[in-house]
Amino acid sequence: MLAERFRPSDIESLVRIAGTLALSPAGAELPPQYRQLAQRVHAEIVAEAAGGRSPAVSAILGPRPGQQVWMLRIWDRHEDTTAPYATEGAALAELATHVRGSWANVGGQDDVPDEPPADDAEAVDLYYGPDGDAVPDQGFDLYCEEIGRTQRSRIAPLNFVFPDAVTADGLNRAAVLYSADDQGPSCIEVTGVLVFGYLDAEDGVVQVSVHLDNADPEHVVRPDGTVPLRVVVEDTVVFDDSNHCAPLPPALEQLLDAATPEQRAVISSVAVSAGLMWSCPSCEWPNPRATERCERPGCGRKVKAAIGPRGAAFDPAPVLALEGPR
């Protein structure tokens, strides 16, 4: 969308310029749909000046914060490397593997044992010392960074209604297929949503990546800036934030299927406490975390927000954000 290239304040200014020119000779030369839109803006400006503003139908949402990654830098006399890790624990495990491979440098000296301990943190502390300078010309840094990427605001409709069958069929038929090139694999675009399917040779998997940043706000963006999304693999729903029959995590689903009625009660109670399910305030029926309406037959009570870990409210409509090319 062209609007993505402008700041929210710029868009506001452009809208007001259009309204100012609506009744000018230049406005009369516009195509009918653009002229009607400019006249609507003019009417809104006049109503605003008179204190009779109409209800807002869209909102501009700020960019979401980026994901975090743990950076591990290891250096010695021969090399100096830095690599990212998804969690602090993963980075620490890699650092522990490094020091165990170099344990001959410190083993048996002072109070250091001949063999490295099994605990990762203890192994790192013994190797580098409490001040990190026990081994000459060697050291490490472990710190958290936010993944930098271009951020933009999103325009979200406040009166969101998902496209009806006729409109949805037209949008589906207008889907665009992009062929693979040097920039990435092939993908299909539907209402601005990009879906990639490709072979990941490094990990040996068929990967499906969904990108929602450019989703069309006119059709598939909800007021909170999220996109209603369902992912199905071999007729099995593996992700659903539409609040209709939301699935349970696979492991929890298997536990509940194999449990006796008594065991199901215990498992459900633990799942509610952990935030994987929520208990209906009316009938105490345990429901999947992603749904806003009780799934017990005859109840169907809707809650404003499902209940997360330790009773905290959480957003029942998360965004699926999978990393991938492009």
C-alpha atoms as a PDB file:
ATOM      1  CA  MET A   1       0.000   0.000   0.000  1.00  0.00           C
ATOM      2  CA  LEU A   2       1.187   3.507  -0.785  1.00  0.00           C
ATOM      3  CA  ALA A   3       0.157   4.658   2.714  1.00  0.00           C
ATOM      4  CA  GLU A   4       2.851   2.424   4.223  1.00  0.00           C
ATOM      5  CA  ARG A   5       5.513   4.840   2.967  1.00  0.00           C
ATOM      6  CA  PHE A   6       4.194   7.783   4.996  1.00  0.00           C
ATOM      7  CA  ARG A   7       4.084   8.605   8.683  1.00  0.00           C
ATOM      8  CA  PRO A   8       0.666   8.803  10.377  1.00  0.00           C
ATOM      9  CA  SER A   9       1.011  12.601  10.633  1.00  0.00           C
ATOM     10  CA  ASP A  10       1.723  12.779   6.894  1.00  0.00           C
ATOM     11  CA  ILE A  11      -1.391  10.739   6.114  1.00  0.00           C
ATOM     12  CA  GLU A  12      -3.492  13.055   8.291  1.00  0.00           C
ATOM     13  CA  SER A  13      -2.132  16.070   6.419  1.00  0.00           C
ATOM     14  CA  LEU A  14      -2.800  14.493   3.014  1.00  0.00           C
ATOM     15  CA  VAL A  15      -6.389  13.698   4.014  1.00  0.00           C
ATOM     16  CA  ARG A  16      -6.961  17.316   5.084  1.00  0.00           C
ATOM     17  CA  ILE A  17      -5.445  18.597   1.828  1.00  0.00           C
ATOM     18  CA  ALA A  18      -7.869  16.408  -0.113  1.00  0.00           C
ATOM     19  CA  GLY A  19     -10.787  17.777   1.886  1.00  0.00           C
ATOM     20  CA  THR A  20      -9.675  21.371   1.285  1.00  0.00           C
ATOM     21  CA  LEU A  21      -9.485  20.791  -2.484  1.00  0.00           C
ATOM     22  CA  ALA A  22     -12.759  18.846  -2.694  1.00  0.00           C
ATOM     23  CA  LEU A  23     -14.835  21.799  -3.928  1.00  0.00           C
ATOM     24  CA  SER A  24     -12.102  23.373  -6.076  1.00  0.00           C
ATOM     25  CA  PRO A  25     -11.800  23.070  -9.880  1.00  0.00           C
ATOM     26  CA  ALA A  26      -9.031  20.504  -9.342  1.00  0.00           C
ATOM     27  CA  GLY A  27     -11.423  18.367  -7.261  1.00  0.00           C
ATOM     28  CA  ALA A  28     -14.032  18.441 -10.022  1.00  0.00           C
ATOM     29  CA  GLU A  29     -11.551  16.811 -12.404  1.00  0.00           C
ATOM     30  CA  LEU A  30     -10.998  13.794 -10.163  1.00  0.00           C
ATOM     31  CA  PRO A  31     -12.551  10.394 -11.014  1.00  0.00           C
ATOM     32  CA  PRO A  32     -15.992  10.002  -9.377  1.00  0.00           C
ATOM     33  CA  GLN A  33     -14.865   7.668  -6.558  1.00  0.00           C
ATOM     34  CA  TYR A  34     -11.957   9.958  -5.613  1.00  0.00           C
ATOM     35  CA  ARG A  35     -14.153  13.063  -5.823  1.00  0.00           C
ATOM     36  CA  GLN A  36     -16.726  11.451  -3.502  1.00  0.00           C
ATOM     37  CA  LEU A  37     -13.970  10.515  -1.051  1.00  0.00           C
ATOM     38  CA  ALA A  38     -12.593  14.048  -1.043  1.00  0.00           C
ATOM     39  CA  GLN A  39     -16.103  15.422  -0.453  1.00  0.00           C
ATOM     40  CA  ARG A  40     -16.496  13.040   2.515  1.00  0.00           C
ATOM     41  CA  VAL A  41     -13.278  14.432   3.960  1.00  0.00           C
ATOM     42  CA  HIS A  42     -14.544  17.984   3.462  1.00  0.00           C
ATOM     43  CA  ALA A  43     -17.763  17.118   5.298  1.00  0.00           C
ATOM     44  CA  GLU A  44     -15.754  15.631   8.175  1.00  0.00           C
ATOM     45  CA  ILE A  45     -13.594  18.767   8.448  1.00  0.00           C
ATOM     46  CA  VAL A  46     -16.704  20.969   8.587  1.00  0.00           C
ATOM     47  CA  ALA A  47     -18.337  18.673  11.183  1.00  0.00           C
ATOM     48  CA  GLU A  48     -15.157  18.657  13.289  1.00  0.00           C
ATOM     49  CA  ALA A  49     -15.040  22.472  13.287  1.00  0.00           C
ATOM     50  CA  ALA A  50     -18.670  22.528  14.461  1.00  0.00           C
ATOM     51  CA  GLY A  51     -17.982  20.020  17.238  1.00  0.00           C
ATOM     52  CA  GLY A  52     -19.956  17.210  15.588  1.00  0.00           C
ATOM     53  CA  ARG A  53     -17.273  14.659  14.765  1.00  0.00           C
ATOM     54  CA  SER A  54     -18.491  11.287  13.529  1.00  0.00           C
ATOM     55  CA  PRO A  55     -17.251   8.055  15.165  1.00  0.00           C
ATOM     56  CA  ALA A  56     -13.809   6.871  14.083  1.00  0.00           C
ATOM     57  CA  VAL A  57     -13.752   3.831  11.809  1.00  0.00           C
ATOM     58  CA  SER A  58      -9.991   3.140  11.870  1.00  0.00           C
ATOM     59  CA  ALA A  59      -7.006   3.532  14.153  1.00  0.00           C
ATOM     60  CA  ILE A  60      -3.263   3.817  13.594  1.00  0.00           C
ATOM     61  CA  LEU A  61      -1.360   1.300  15.693  1.00  0.00           C
ATOM     62  CA  GLY A  62       2.306   1.812  16.526  1.00  0.00           C
ATOM     63  CA  PRO A  63       4.995  -0.681  15.473  1.00  0.00           C
ATOM     64  CA  ARG A  64       5.370  -3.801  17.588  1.00  0.00           C
ATOM     65  CA  PRO A  65       8.608  -4.274  19.523  1.00  0.00           C
ATOM     66  CA  GLY A  66      11.163  -6.551  17.865  1.00  0.00           C
ATOM     67  CA  GLN A  67      12.134  -9.979  19.073  1.00  0.00           C
ATOM     68  CA  GLN A  68      15.116 -10.437  21.381  1.00  0.00           C
ATOM     69  CA  VAL A  69      18.171 -12.586  20.806  1.00  0.00           C
ATOM     70  CA  TRP A  70      21.136 -13.499  23.025  1.00  0.00           C
ATOM     71  CA  MET A  71      24.532 -12.655  21.569  1.00  0.00           C
ATOM     72  CA  LEU A  72      27.556 -14.705  22.685  1.00  0.00           C
ATOM     73  CA  ARG A  73      31.046 -13.425  21.942  1.00  0.00           C
ATOM     74  CA  ILE A  74      34.026 -15.711  22.663  1.00  0.00           C
ATOM     75  CA  TRP A  75      37.614 -14.658  22.094  1.00  0.00           C
ATOM     76  CA  ASP A  76      41.125 -15.999  22.633  1.00  0.00           C
ATOM     77  CA  ARG A  77      44.546 -15.550  21.019  1.00  0.00           C
ATOM     78  CA  HIS A  78      43.479 -17.219  17.786  1.00  0.00           C
ATOM     79  CA  GLU A  79      39.888 -16.178  17.120  1.00  0.00           C
ATOM     80  CA  ASP A  80      37.107 -13.799  18.071  1.00  0.00           C
ATOM     81  CA  THR A  81      33.569 -14.995  17.208  1.00  0.00           C
ATOM     82  CA  THR A  82      30.075 -13.698  17.915  1.00  0.00           C
ATOM     83  CA  ALA A  83      26.897 -15.724  17.333  1.00  0.00           C
ATOM     84  CA  PRO A  84      23.164 -15.265  18.148  1.00  0.00           C
ATOM     85  CA  TYR A  85      21.086 -17.670  20.265  1.00  0.00           C
ATOM     86  CA  ALA A  86      17.350 -17.788  20.843  1.00  0.00           C
ATOM     87  CA  THR A  87      17.660 -18.064  24.656  1.00  0.00           C
ATOM     88  CA  GLU A  88      20.203 -17.306  27.335  1.00  0.00           C
ATOM     89  CA  GLY A  89      20.279 -21.000  28.264  1.00  0.00           C
ATOM     90  CA  ALA A  90      21.213 -22.017  24.716  1.00  0.00           C
ATOM     91  CA  ALA A  91      24.047 -19.482  24.637  1.00  0.00           C
ATOM     92  CA  LEU A  92      25.310 -20.625  28.043  1.00  0.00           C
ATOM     93  CA  ALA A  93      25.257 -24.267  26.915  1.00  0.00           C
ATOM     94  CA  GLU A  94      27.387 -23.377  23.874  1.00  0.00           C
ATOM     95  CA  LEU A  95      29.821 -21.449  26.078  1.00  0.00           C
ATOM     96  CA  ALA A  96      30.053 -24.413  28.459  1.00  0.00           C
ATOM     97  CA  THR A  97      30.819 -26.722  25.540  1.00  0.00           C
ATOM     98  CA  HIS A  98      33.633 -24.367  24.534  1.00  0.00           C
ATOM     99  CA  VAL A  99      35.242 -24.269  27.990  1.00  0.00           C
ATOM    100  CA  ARG A 100      34.987 -28.047  28.450  1.00  0.00           C
ATOM    101  CA  GLY A 101      36.902 -28.457  25.193  1.00  0.00           C
ATOM    102  CA  SER A 102      39.632 -26.183  26.579  1.00  0.00           C
ATOM    103  CA  TRP A 103      39.590 -27.513  30.152  1.00  0.00           C
ATOM    104  CA  ALA A 104      43.261 -28.569  29.952  1.00  0.00           C
ATOM    105  CA  ASN A 105      44.139 -24.867  30.271  1.00  0.00           C
ATOM    106  CA  VAL A 106      42.824 -24.707  33.844  1.00  0.00           C
ATOM    107  CA  GLY A 107      42.189 -28.271  35.070  1.00  0.00           C
ATOM    108  CA  GLY A 108      44.123 -29.178  38.223  1.00  0.00           C
ATOM    109  CA  GLN A 109      45.257 -25.602  38.859  1.00  0.00           C
ATOM    110  CA  ASP A 110      44.477 -23.865  42.159  1.00  0.00           C
ATOM    111  CA  ASP A 111      40.982 -25.028  43.213  1.00  0.00           C
ATOM    112  CA  VAL A 112      39.873 -26.090  39.711  1.00  0.00           C
ATOM    113  CA  PRO A 113      39.072 -29.844  39.429  1.00  0.00           C
ATOM    114  CA  ASP A 114      40.751 -32.019  36.815  1.00  0.00           C
ATOM    115  CA  GLU A 115      37.434 -32.604  35.055  1.00  0.00           C
ATOM    116  CA  PRO A 116      34.783 -29.973  34.258  1.00  0.00           C
ATOM    117  CA  PRO A 117      31.532 -30.120  36.275  1.00  0.00           C
ATOM    118  CA  ALA A 118      28.255 -31.161  34.645  1.00  0.00           C
ATOM    119  CA  ASP A 119      26.547 -27.847  35.456  1.00  0.00           C
ATOM    120  CA  ASP A 120      27.065 -25.350  32.619  1.00  0.00           C
ATOM    121  CA  ALA A 121      27.149 -22.197  34.752  1.00  0.00           C
ATOM    122  CA  GLU A 122      29.560 -23.746  37.227  1.00  0.00           C
ATOM    123  CA  ALA A 123      31.882 -24.892  34.435  1.00  0.00           C
ATOM    124  CA  VAL A 124      31.975 -21.375  32.949  1.00  0.00           C
ATOM    125  CA  ASP A 125      32.631 -19.763  36.358  1.00  0.00           C
ATOM    126  CA  LEU A 126      35.471 -22.183  37.167  1.00  0.00           C
ATOM    127  CA  TYR A 127      37.107 -21.748  33.773  1.00  0.00           C
ATOM    128  CA  TYR A 128      37.032 -17.955  33.512  1.00  0.00           C
ATOM    129  CA  GLY A 129      37.121 -17.197  37.255  1.00  0.00           C
ATOM    130  CA  PRO A 130      34.801 -14.932  39.251  1.00  0.00           C
ATOM    131  CA  ASP A 131      36.113 -11.818  37.501  1.00  0.00           C
ATOM    132  CA  GLY A 132      36.286 -13.386  34.031  1.00  0.00           C
ATOM    133  CA  ASP A 133      40.063 -12.974  33.738  1.00  0.00           C
ATOM    134  CA  ALA A 134      41.434 -16.271  35.068  1.00  0.00           C
ATOM    135  CA  VAL A 135      42.714 -17.367  31.641  1.00  0.00           C
ATOM    136  CA  PRO A 136      45.131 -14.956  29.909  1.00  0.00           C
ATOM    137  CA  ASP A 137      43.934 -13.509  26.597  1.00  0.00           C
ATOM    138  CA  GLN A 138      40.587 -15.296  26.800  1.00  0.00           C
ATOM    139  CA  GLY A 139      37.113 -14.092  27.654  1.00  0.00           C
ATOM    140  CA  PHE A 140      33.471 -13.853  26.673  1.00  0.00           C
ATOM    141  CA  ASP A 141      30.510 -11.492  26.552  1.00  0.00           C
ATOM    142  CA  LEU A 142      26.887 -12.628  26.842  1.00  0.00           C
ATOM    143  CA  TYR A 143      24.232  -9.983  26.298  1.00  0.00           C
ATOM    144  CA  CYS A 144      20.702  -9.521  25.002  1.00  0.00           C
ATOM    145  CA  GLU A 145      19.911  -7.551  21.847  1.00  0.00           C
ATOM    146  CA  GLU A 146      16.699  -6.642  20.057  1.00  0.00           C
ATOM    147  CA  ILE A 147      16.507  -7.807  16.456  1.00  0.00           C
ATOM    148  CA  GLY A 148      16.555  -4.676  14.363  1.00  0.00           C
ATOM    149  CA  ARG A 149      14.164  -4.395  11.446  1.00  0.00           C
ATOM    150  CA  THR A 150      12.141  -1.738   9.713  1.00  0.00           C
ATOM    151  CA  GLN A 151       9.108  -0.885  11.811  1.00  0.00           C
ATOM    152  CA  ARG A 152       5.976   0.861  10.625  1.00  0.00           C
ATOM    153  CA  SER A 153       2.586   1.839  11.917  1.00  0.00           C
ATOM    154  CA  ARG A 154      -0.493  -0.180  10.978  1.00  0.00           C
ATOM    155  CA  ILE A 155      -3.911   1.166  10.043  1.00  0.00           C
ATOM    156  CA  ALA A 156      -6.594  -1.025  11.617  1.00  0.00           C
ATOM    157  CA  PRO A 157     -10.376  -0.707  11.076  1.00  0.00           C
ATOM    158  CA  LEU A 158     -12.415  -0.220  14.247  1.00  0.00           C
ATOM    159  CA  ASN A 159     -15.555  -1.605  12.578  1.00  0.00           C
ATOM    160  CA  PHE A 160     -13.885  -4.780  11.300  1.00  0.00           C
ATOM    161  CA  VAL A 161     -16.097  -7.312   9.532  1.00  0.00           C
ATOM    162  CA  PHE A 162     -14.496 -10.303   7.840  1.00  0.00           C
ATOM    163  CA  PRO A 163     -15.295 -10.481   4.077  1.00  0.00           C
ATOM    164  CA  ASP A 164     -18.487 -12.329   3.174  1.00  0.00           C
ATOM    165  CA  ALA A 165     -18.441 -15.393   0.900  1.00  0.00           C
ATOM    166  CA  VAL A 166     -18.715 -13.417  -2.349  1.00  0.00           C
ATOM    167  CA  THR A 167     -16.022 -10.909  -1.409  1.00  0.00           C
ATOM    168  CA  ALA A 168     -13.749 -13.646  -0.044  1.00  0.00           C
ATOM    169  CA  ASP A 169     -14.106 -15.611  -3.282  1.00  0.00           C
ATOM    170  CA  GLY A 170     -13.096 -12.552  -5.293  1.00  0.00           C
ATOM    171  CA  LEU A 171     -10.076 -11.912  -3.076  1.00  0.00           C
ATOM    172  CA  ASN A 172      -9.045 -15.559  -3.308  1.00  0.00           C
ATOM    173  CA  ARG A 173      -9.247 -15.428  -7.101  1.00  0.00           C
ATOM    174  CA  ALA A 174      -7.105 -12.286  -7.073  1.00  0.00           C
ATOM    175  CA  ALA A 175      -4.272 -14.066  -5.229  1.00  0.00           C
ATOM    176  CA  VAL A 176      -0.843 -13.548  -6.782  1.00  0.00           C
ATOM    177  CA  LEU A 177       1.874 -16.205  -7.118  1.00  0.00           C
ATOM    178  CA  TYR A 178       5.469 -14.948  -7.015  1.00  0.00           C
ATOM    179  CA  SER A 179       8.071 -17.207  -8.589  1.00  0.00           C
ATOM    180  CA  ALA A 180      11.280 -18.087  -6.778  1.00  0.00           C
ATOM    181  CA  ASP A 181      14.275 -15.852  -7.468  1.00  0.00           C
ATOM    182  CA  ASP A 182      17.613 -14.915  -5.937  1.00  0.00           C
ATOM    183  CA  GLN A 183      15.794 -13.072  -3.134  1.00  0.00           C
ATOM    184  CA  GLY A 184      13.843 -16.084  -1.896  1.00  0.00           C
ATOM    185  CA  PRO A 185      11.511 -18.990  -2.722  1.00  0.00           C
ATOM    186  CA  SER A 186       8.120 -18.756  -4.368  1.00  0.00           C
ATOM    187  CA  CYS A 187       5.121 -17.570  -2.376  1.00  0.00           C
ATOM    188  CA  ILE A 188       1.447 -16.751  -2.731  1.00  0.00           C
ATOM    189  CA  GLU A 189      -0.077 -13.427  -1.665  1.00  0.00           C
ATOM    190  CA  VAL A 190      -3.705 -13.156  -0.568  1.00  0.00           C
ATOM    191  CA  THR A 191      -4.969  -9.789   0.743  1.00  0.00           C
ATOM    192  CA  GLY A 192      -1.385  -8.810   1.503  1.00  0.00           C
ATOM    193  CA  VAL A 193      -0.639 -11.969   3.498  1.00  0.00           C
ATOM    194  CA  LEU A 194       2.433 -13.807   2.152  1.00  0.00           C
ATOM    195  CA  VAL A 195       2.620 -17.592   2.488  1.00  0.00           C
ATOM    196  CA  PHE A 196       5.910 -19.325   1.658  1.00  0.00           C
ATOM    197  CA  GLY A 197       6.393 -23.064   1.291  1.00  0.00           C
ATOM    198  CA  TYR A 198       9.890 -24.370   0.656  1.00  0.00           C
ATOM    199  CA  LEU A 199      12.515 -26.984   1.485  1.00  0.00           C
ATOM    200  CA  ASP A 200      14.946 -25.974   4.226  1.00  0.00           C
ATOM    201  CA  ALA A 201      18.046 -28.018   3.360  1.00  0.00           C
ATOM    202  CA  GLU A 202      19.958 -26.886   6.454  1.00  0.00           C
ATOM    203  CA  ASP A 203      17.390 -28.283   8.899  1.00  0.00           C
ATOM    204  CA  GLY A 204      16.001 -30.959   6.572  1.00  0.00           C
ATOM    205  CA  VAL A 205      12.367 -29.857   6.793  1.00  0.00           C
ATOM    206  CA  VAL A 206       9.546 -28.552   4.632  1.00  0.00           C
ATOM    207  CA  GLN A 207       8.966 -25.079   6.062  1.00  0.00           C
ATOM    208  CA  VAL A 208       5.835 -22.982   5.788  1.00  0.00           C
ATOM    209  CA  SER A 209       6.257 -19.309   6.696  1.00  0.00           C
ATOM    210  CA  VAL A 210       3.439 -16.799   7.037  1.00  0.00           C
ATOM    211  CA  HIS A 211       4.092 -13.055   6.947  1.00  0.00           C
ATOM    212  CA  LEU A 212       1.323 -10.731   8.122  1.00  0.00           C
ATOM    213  CA  ASP A 213       3.017  -7.317   8.129  1.00  0.00           C
ATOM    214  CA  ASN A 214       1.401  -6.233   4.845  1.00  0.00           C
ATOM    215  CA  ALA A 215      -2.058  -7.680   5.501  1.00  0.00           C
ATOM    216  CA  ASP A 216      -4.823  -5.583   3.907  1.00  0.00           C
ATOM    217  CA  PRO A 217      -6.479  -3.515   6.691  1.00  0.00           C
ATOM    218  CA  GLU A 218      -9.617  -3.139   4.600  1.00  0.00           C
ATOM    219  CA  HIS A 219     -10.337  -6.857   4.718  1.00  0.00           C
ATOM    220  CA  VAL A 220      -8.359  -8.959   7.221  1.00  0.00           C
ATOM    221  CA  VAL A 221      -6.898  -6.736   9.969  1.00  0.00           C
ATOM    222  CA  ARG A 222      -8.806  -6.669  13.264  1.00  0.00           C
ATOM    223  CA  PRO A 223      -9.043  -3.559  15.477  1.00  0.00           C
ATOM    224  CA  ASP A 224      -6.112  -4.765  17.621  1.00  0.00           C
ATOM    225  CA  GLY A 225      -3.912  -5.007  14.530  1.00  0.00           C
ATOM    226  CA  THR A 226      -3.929  -8.822  14.376  1.00  0.00           C
ATOM    227  CA  VAL A 227      -5.075 -11.087  11.549  1.00  0.00           C
ATOM    228  CA  PRO A 228      -7.525 -13.975  12.171  1.00  0.00           C
ATOM    229  CA  LEU A 229      -5.456 -16.985  11.204  1.00  0.00           C
ATOM    230  CA  ARG A 230      -5.910 -20.742  11.120  1.00  0.00           C
ATOM    231  CA  VAL A 231      -3.178 -23.235  10.171  1.00  0.00           C
ATOM    232  CA  VAL A 232      -4.209 -26.756   9.108  1.00  0.00           C
ATOM    233  CA  VAL A 233      -1.817 -29.676   8.524  1.00  0.00           C
ATOM    234  CA  GLU A 234      -3.293 -32.903   7.098  1.00  0.00           C
ATOM    235  CA  ASP A 235      -6.817 -31.918   8.243  1.00  0.00           C
ATOM    236  CA  THR A 236      -5.517 -31.201  11.771  1.00  0.00           C
ATOM    237  CA  VAL A 237      -5.864 -27.651  13.091  1.00  0.00           C
ATOM    238  CA  VAL A 238      -2.480 -26.812  14.627  1.00  0.00           C
ATOM    239  CA  PHE A 239      -3.135 -23.087  15.166  1.00  0.00           C
ATOM    240  CA  ASP A 240      -6.372 -21.125  15.384  1.00  0.00           C
ATOM    241  CA  ASP A 241      -6.889 -17.659  16.837  1.00  0.00           C
ATOM    242  CA  SER A 242     -10.336 -17.165  15.303  1.00  0.00           C
ATOM    243  CA  ASN A 243     -11.966 -17.993  18.670  1.00  0.00           C
ATOM    244  CA  HIS A 244     -13.932 -20.829  17.043  1.00  0.00           C
ATOM    245  CA  CYS A 245     -13.096 -24.307  18.373  1.00  0.00           C
ATOM    246  CA  ALA A 246      -9.526 -23.259  19.153  1.00  0.00           C
ATOM    247  CA  PRO A 247      -7.122 -26.198  19.418  1.00  0.00           C
ATOM    248  CA  LEU A 248      -5.206 -27.272  22.480  1.00  0.00           C
ATOM    249  CA  PRO A 249      -1.413 -27.720  22.447  1.00  0.00           C
ATOM    250  CA  PRO A 250      -0.718 -31.203  20.946  1.00  0.00           C
ATOM    251  CA  ALA A 251       0.887 -32.631  24.114  1.00  0.00           C
ATOM    252  CA  LEU A 252      -2.026 -31.436  26.272  1.00  0.00           C
ATOM    253  CA  GLU A 253      -4.522 -32.822  23.753  1.00  0.00           C
ATOM    254  CA  GLN A 254      -2.848 -36.248  23.932  1.00  0.00           C
ATOM    255  CA  LEU A 255      -2.812 -36.244  27.736  1.00  0.00           C
ATOM    256  CA  LEU A 256      -6.516 -35.401  27.944  1.00  0.00           C
ATOM    257  CA  ASP A 257      -7.441 -38.008  25.319  1.00  0.00           C
ATOM    258  CA  ALA A 258      -5.617 -40.774  27.228  1.00  0.00           C
ATOM    259  CA  ALA A 259      -6.770 -39.744  30.716  1.00  0.00           C
ATOM    260  CA  THR A 260      -9.573 -41.145  32.856  1.00  0.00           C
ATOM    261  CA  PRO A 261     -12.288 -38.697  34.007  1.00  0.00           C
ATOM    262  CA  GLU A 262     -10.461 -38.247  37.324  1.00  0.00           C
ATOM    263  CA  GLN A 263      -7.140 -37.666  35.571  1.00  0.00           C
ATOM    264  CA  ARG A 264      -8.749 -35.220  33.123  1.00  0.00           C
ATOM    265  CA  ALA A 265      -9.923 -33.095  36.039  1.00  0.00           C
ATOM    266  CA  VAL A 266      -6.390 -32.931  37.459  1.00  0.00           C
ATOM    267  CA  ILE A 267      -4.774 -32.248  34.066  1.00  0.00           C
ATOM    268  CA  SER A 268      -7.320 -29.533  33.257  1.00  0.00           C
ATOM    269  CA  SER A 269      -6.759 -27.883  36.641  1.00  0.00           C
ATOM    270  CA  VAL A 270      -3.000 -27.790  36.069  1.00  0.00           C
ATOM    271  CA  ALA A 271      -3.498 -26.493  32.514  1.00  0.00           C
ATOM    272  CA  VAL A 272      -5.720 -23.667  33.801  1.00  0.00           C
ATOM    273  CA  SER A 273      -3.109 -22.745  36.433  1.00  0.00           C
ATOM    274  CA  ALA A 274      -0.396 -22.727  33.751  1.00  0.00           C
ATOM    275  CA  GLY A 275      -2.446 -20.511  31.431  1.00  0.00           C
ATOM    276  CA  LEU A 276      -2.880 -23.185  28.736  1.00  0.00           C
ATOM    277  CA  MET A 277      -6.634 -23.245  29.379  1.00  0.00           C
ATOM    278  CA  TRP A 278      -9.165 -21.032  31.155  1.00  0.00           C
ATOM    279  CA  SER A 279     -12.101 -21.965  33.382  1.00  0.00           C
ATOM    280  CA  CYS A 280     -15.537 -20.595  32.480  1.00  0.00           C
ATOM    281  CA  PRO A 281     -16.813 -18.246  35.236  1.00  0.00           C
ATOM    282  CA  SER A 282     -20.336 -19.658  34.794  1.00  0.00           C
ATOM    283  CA  CYS A 283     -19.918 -23.434  34.504  1.00  0.00           C
ATOM    284  CA  GLU A 284     -16.178 -23.925  35.280  1.00  0.00           C
ATOM    285  CA  TRP A 285     -15.685 -25.769  31.990  1.00  0.00           C
ATOM    286  CA  PRO A 286     -11.985 -25.761  30.963  1.00  0.00           C
ATOM    287  CA  ASN A 287     -11.520 -24.130  27.555  1.00  0.00           C
ATOM    288  CA  PRO A 288      -8.548 -23.702  25.171  1.00  0.00           C
ATOM    289  CA  ARG A 289      -6.659 -20.519  25.894  1.00  0.00           C
ATOM    290  CA  ALA A 290      -7.238 -18.955  22.445  1.00  0.00           C
ATOM    291  CA  THR A 291     -11.043 -18.952  22.558  1.00  0.00           C
ATOM    292  CA  GLU A 292     -13.158 -16.176  24.063  1.00  0.00           C
ATOM    293  CA  ARG A 293     -16.372 -18.210  24.327  1.00  0.00           C
ATOM    294  CA  CYS A 294     -17.030 -21.252  26.530  1.00  0.00           C
ATOM    295  CA  GLU A 295     -17.170 -24.410  24.398  1.00  0.00           C
ATOM    296  CA  ARG A 296     -19.385 -26.397  26.778  1.00  0.00           C
ATOM    297  CA  PRO A 297     -22.695 -27.279  25.045  1.00  0.00           C
ATOM    298  CA  GLY A 298     -25.473 -25.094  26.381  1.00  0.00           C
ATOM    299  CA  CYS A 299     -23.157 -22.488  27.896  1.00  0.00           C
ATOM    300  CA  GLY A 300     -21.268 -20.465  25.304  1.00  0.00           C
ATOM    301  CA  ARG A 301     -20.532 -17.636  27.724  1.00  0.00           C
ATOM    302  CA  LYS A 302     -18.253 -15.016  26.203  1.00  0.00           C
ATOM    303  CA  VAL A 303     -15.544 -13.366  28.279  1.00  0.00           C
ATOM    304  CA  LYS A 304     -13.695 -10.154  27.442  1.00  0.00           C
ATOM    305  CA  ALA A 305     -10.312 -11.831  27.892  1.00  0.00           C
ATOM    306  CA  ALA A 306      -9.330 -15.356  28.693  1.00  0.00           C
ATOM    307  CA  ILE A 307      -7.324 -16.087  31.799  1.00  0.00           C
ATOM    308  CA  GLY A 308      -3.558 -16.496  31.531  1.00  0.00           C
ATOM    309  CA  PRO A 309      -0.922 -17.777  33.949  1.00  0.00           C
ATOM    310  CA  ARG A 310      -1.766 -17.209  37.637  1.00  0.00           C
ATOM    311  CA  GLY A 311      -5.067 -15.593  36.710  1.00  0.00           C
ATOM    312  CA  ALA A 312      -3.605 -12.747  34.663  1.00  0.00           C
ATOM    313  CA  ALA A 313      -5.606 -11.561  31.678  1.00  0.00           C
ATOM    314  CA  PHE A 314      -4.098 -12.119  28.277  1.00  0.00           C
ATOM    315  CA  ASP A 315      -4.922 -11.325  24.683  1.00  0.00           C
ATOM    316  CA  PRO A 316      -6.871 -14.285  23.275  1.00  0.00           C
ATOM    317  CA  ALA A 317      -6.045 -13.337  19.692  1.00  0.00           C
ATOM    318  CA  PRO A 318      -2.289 -13.643  19.170  1.00  0.00           C
ATOM    319  CA  VAL A 319      -0.463 -13.080  15.918  1.00  0.00           C
ATOM    320  CA  LEU A 320       1.338 -15.920  14.183  1.00  0.00           C
ATOM    321  CA  ALA A 321       4.753 -14.543  13.301  1.00  0.00           C
ATOM    322  CA  LEU A 322       6.982 -17.093  11.635  1.00  0.00           C
ATOM    323  CA  GLU A 323      10.434 -16.193  10.452  1.00  0.00           C
ATOM    324  CA  GLY A 324      11.187 -16.799   6.826  1.00  0.00           C
ATOM    325  CA  PRO A 325      12.713 -15.238   3.731  1.00  0.00           C
ATOM    326  CA  ARG A 326      11.720 -11.906   2.220  1.00  0.00           C
END
